[in-house]
Each structure stands twice: as C-alpha cells, then as structure tokens.
C-alpha cells in the first residue's frame, strides 16, 4: 500500500508540474517568440 501511495503521489506531482509548466509556457510564449524573432533578426544582420 505504501508503494502505491508513493507512486500515486509522484504521478499527481508530475501532472501538476506539467500543468504548471504548460501555463507558464502559455504566458511566456508570446514574449519568448518575440525574443527568438529579434535574436534571429540580429543573427541575420550579423551575417549580412
């Protein structure tokens, strides 16, 4: 029973952390995309 409780707690924690990560990614998604685009533009300028 103890092992089952531990595995259940671990899977619950994993799901919660995945959900939290998803929310954070969704919130930061736009800014991250903008940063990636600006970084890409800077690289293009350096190459030119």
Protein backbone atom coordinates (compact mmCIF):
# COMPACT_ATOMS: atom_id res chain seq x y z
CA UNK A 1 0.00 0.00 0.00
CA UNK A 2 2.84 2.37 0.78
CA UNK A 3 4.38 1.89 -2.67
CA UNK A 4 1.00 2.53 -4.31
CA UNK A 5 0.56 5.76 -2.34
CA UNK A 6 4.06 6.92 -3.30
CA UNK A 7 3.52 6.18 -6.99
CA UNK A 8 0.15 7.94 -6.89
CA UNK A 9 1.70 10.97 -5.23
CA UNK A 10 4.53 11.01 -7.75
CA UNK A 11 2.18 10.79 -10.74
CA UNK A 12 -0.02 13.53 -9.24
CA UNK A 13 3.03 15.74 -8.68
CA UNK A 14 4.16 15.07 -12.25
CA UNK A 15 0.75 16.04 -13.65
CA UNK A 16 0.67 19.20 -11.53
CA UNK A 17 4.19 20.19 -12.59
CA UNK A 18 3.31 19.55 -16.25
CA UNK A 19 0.19 21.70 -15.95
CA UNK A 20 2.16 24.47 -14.23
CA UNK A 21 4.82 24.29 -16.93
CA UNK A 22 2.13 24.48 -19.60
CA UNK A 23 0.60 27.57 -18.01
CA UNK A 24 3.99 29.26 -17.68
CA UNK A 25 4.86 28.43 -21.28
CA UNK A 26 1.49 29.77 -22.43
CA UNK A 27 2.03 33.02 -20.52
CA UNK A 28 5.64 33.44 -21.68
CA UNK A 29 5.00 32.05 -25.17
CA UNK A 30 4.46 35.41 -26.86
CA UNK A 31 7.45 37.12 -25.26
CA UNK A 32 9.65 34.08 -25.97
CA UNK A 33 8.60 34.14 -29.62
CA UNK A 34 9.34 37.86 -29.84
CA UNK A 35 12.75 37.36 -28.24
CA UNK A 36 13.51 34.47 -30.60
CA UNK A 37 12.46 36.59 -33.61
CA UNK A 38 14.58 39.56 -32.52
CA UNK A 39 17.53 37.23 -31.84
CA UNK A 40 17.04 35.72 -35.30
CA UNK A 41 16.94 39.20 -36.86
CA UNK A 42 20.15 40.15 -35.05
CA UNK A 43 21.85 36.99 -36.33
CA UNK A 44 20.72 37.80 -39.87
CA UNK A 45 22.11 41.32 -39.53
CA UNK A 46 25.45 39.95 -38.29
CA UNK A 47 25.61 37.54 -41.24
CA UNK A 48 24.89 40.38 -43.69
